[in-house]
C-alpha atoms as a PDB file:
ATOM      1  CA  MET A   1      20.100  16.418  -2.496  1.00  0.00           C
ATOM      2  CA  THR A   2      18.258  14.803  -5.767  1.00  0.00           C
ATOM      3  CA  ASP A   3      15.343  16.249  -7.463  1.00  0.00           C
ATOM      4  CA  TYR A   4      13.210  13.127  -8.122  1.00  0.00           C
ATOM      5  CA  ALA A   5      10.423  13.074 -10.898  1.00  0.00           C
ATOM      6  CA  GLN A   6       7.268  12.238  -8.906  1.00  0.00           C
ATOM      7  CA  MET A   7       4.612   9.880  -9.444  1.00  0.00           C
ATOM      8  CA  MET A   8       1.392   8.749  -7.918  1.00  0.00           C
ATOM      9  CA  TYR A   9      -0.835   5.533  -8.320  1.00  0.00           C
ATOM     10  CA  LYS A  10      -4.085   4.978  -7.087  1.00  0.00           C
ATOM     11  CA  ILE A  11      -4.825   1.082  -6.149  1.00  0.00           C
ATOM     12  CA  CYS A  12      -8.143  -0.586  -5.099  1.00  0.00           C
ATOM     13  CA  ILE A  13      -7.605  -3.887  -3.649  1.00  0.00           C
ATOM     14  CA  VAL A  14     -11.330  -5.625  -3.745  1.00  0.00           C
ATOM     15  CA  GLY A  15     -12.195  -9.153  -2.989  1.00  0.00           C
ATOM     16  CA  ASP A  16     -13.890 -11.618  -0.915  1.00  0.00           C
ATOM     17  CA  GLY A  17     -14.599 -11.269   3.088  1.00  0.00           C
ATOM     18  CA  ALA A  18     -11.739 -13.195   5.351  1.00  0.00           C
ATOM     19  CA  VAL A  19      -9.034 -13.448   2.704  1.00  0.00           C
ATOM     20  CA  GLY A  20      -6.244 -11.607   4.125  1.00  0.00           C
ATOM     21  CA  LYS A  21      -6.362  -8.511   1.759  1.00  0.00           C
ATOM     22  CA  THR A  22      -5.664  -6.538   4.838  1.00  0.00           C
ATOM     23  CA  THR A  23      -2.830  -8.205   6.032  1.00  0.00           C
ATOM     24  CA  ILE A  24      -0.863  -8.378   2.883  1.00  0.00           C
ATOM     25  CA  LEU A  25      -1.380  -4.822   2.633  1.00  0.00           C
ATOM     26  CA  TYR A  26       0.370  -4.234   6.297  1.00  0.00           C
ATOM     27  CA  ARG A  27       3.025  -7.017   4.935  1.00  0.00           C
ATOM     28  CA  TYR A  28       3.987  -5.049   1.725  1.00  0.00           C
ATOM     29  CA  VAL A  29       3.440  -1.112   3.160  1.00  0.00           C
ATOM     30  CA  ASP A  30       4.844  -1.870   6.885  1.00  0.00           C
ATOM     31  CA  GLY A  31       6.921  -5.238   6.649  1.00  0.00           C
ATOM     32  CA  ARG A  32       5.047  -6.691   9.155  1.00  0.00           C
ATOM     33  CA  PHE A  33       2.679  -9.465   9.469  1.00  0.00           C
ATOM     34  CA  GLU A  34      -0.773  -8.923  11.448  1.00  0.00           C
ATOM     35  CA  LYS A  35      -2.045 -12.028  12.711  1.00  0.00           C
ATOM     36  CA  ASP A  36      -4.781 -10.918  14.409  1.00  0.00           C
ATOM     37  CA  THR A  37      -6.616  -8.655  12.233  1.00  0.00           C
ATOM     38  CA  MET A  38     -10.373  -8.271  12.360  1.00  0.00           C
ATOM     39  CA  MET A  39     -13.027  -8.425   9.152  1.00  0.00           C
ATOM     40  CA  THR A  40     -12.776  -4.461   7.785  1.00  0.00           C
ATOM     41  CA  VAL A  41     -15.917  -2.837   7.583  1.00  0.00           C
ATOM     42  CA  GLY A  42     -15.920   0.298   5.349  1.00  0.00           C
ATOM     43  CA  THR A  43     -12.399   1.351   3.636  1.00  0.00           C
ATOM     44  CA  ASN A  44      -9.346   1.417   4.648  1.00  0.00           C
ATOM     45  CA  PHE A  45      -6.230   3.428   3.271  1.00  0.00           C
ATOM     46  CA  PHE A  46      -2.375   2.861   2.813  1.00  0.00           C
ATOM     47  CA  MET A  47       0.031   4.815   1.495  1.00  0.00           C
ATOM     48  CA  LYS A  48       3.530   3.181   0.588  1.00  0.00           C
ATOM     49  CA  GLU A  49       6.813   5.928  -0.971  1.00  0.00           C
ATOM     50  CA  ILE A  50       9.687   4.418  -2.949  1.00  0.00           C
ATOM     51  CA  LEU A  51      12.374   5.709  -4.062  1.00  0.00           C
ATOM     52  CA  LEU A  52      14.372   4.526  -7.366  1.00  0.00           C
ATOM     53  CA  ASP A  53      17.563   6.137  -7.045  1.00  0.00           C
ATOM     54  CA  ASP A  54      19.019   5.087 -10.353  1.00  0.00           C
ATOM     55  CA  LEU A  55      15.817   6.103 -12.619  1.00  0.00           C
ATOM     56  CA  GLY A  56      15.487   9.502 -10.437  1.00  0.00           C
ATOM     57  CA  ILE A  57      11.729   8.459  -9.835  1.00  0.00           C
ATOM     58  CA  LYS A  58      10.345   8.902  -6.719  1.00  0.00           C
ATOM     59  CA  VAL A  59       6.904   6.937  -6.754  1.00  0.00           C
ATOM     60  CA  LYS A  60       3.868   7.032  -4.716  1.00  0.00           C
ATOM     61  CA  PHE A  61       1.027   4.789  -4.266  1.00  0.00           C
ATOM     62  CA  GLN A  62      -2.245   5.552  -2.343  1.00  0.00           C
ATOM     63  CA  ILE A  63      -3.889   2.180  -1.820  1.00  0.00           C
ATOM     64  CA  TYR A  64      -7.536   1.291  -0.688  1.00  0.00           C
ATOM     65  CA  ARG A  65      -8.885  -1.896   0.235  1.00  0.00           C
ATOM     66  CA  ASN A  66     -12.729  -2.104   0.510  1.00  0.00           C
END
């Protein structure tokens, strides 16, 4: 088992309503396209973890969508 150096980034996605912020986040985080999303009221929270094996680094993204 390899011990990875860990890094975490917090990202906030903001913008006008009904432009596809939530849809693009589902695509990036889960690899799926959600065509029937409702307009978000409040905040969504997504987590994405990437392993960079060549560098021995585990990168975590905490993504907030307003």
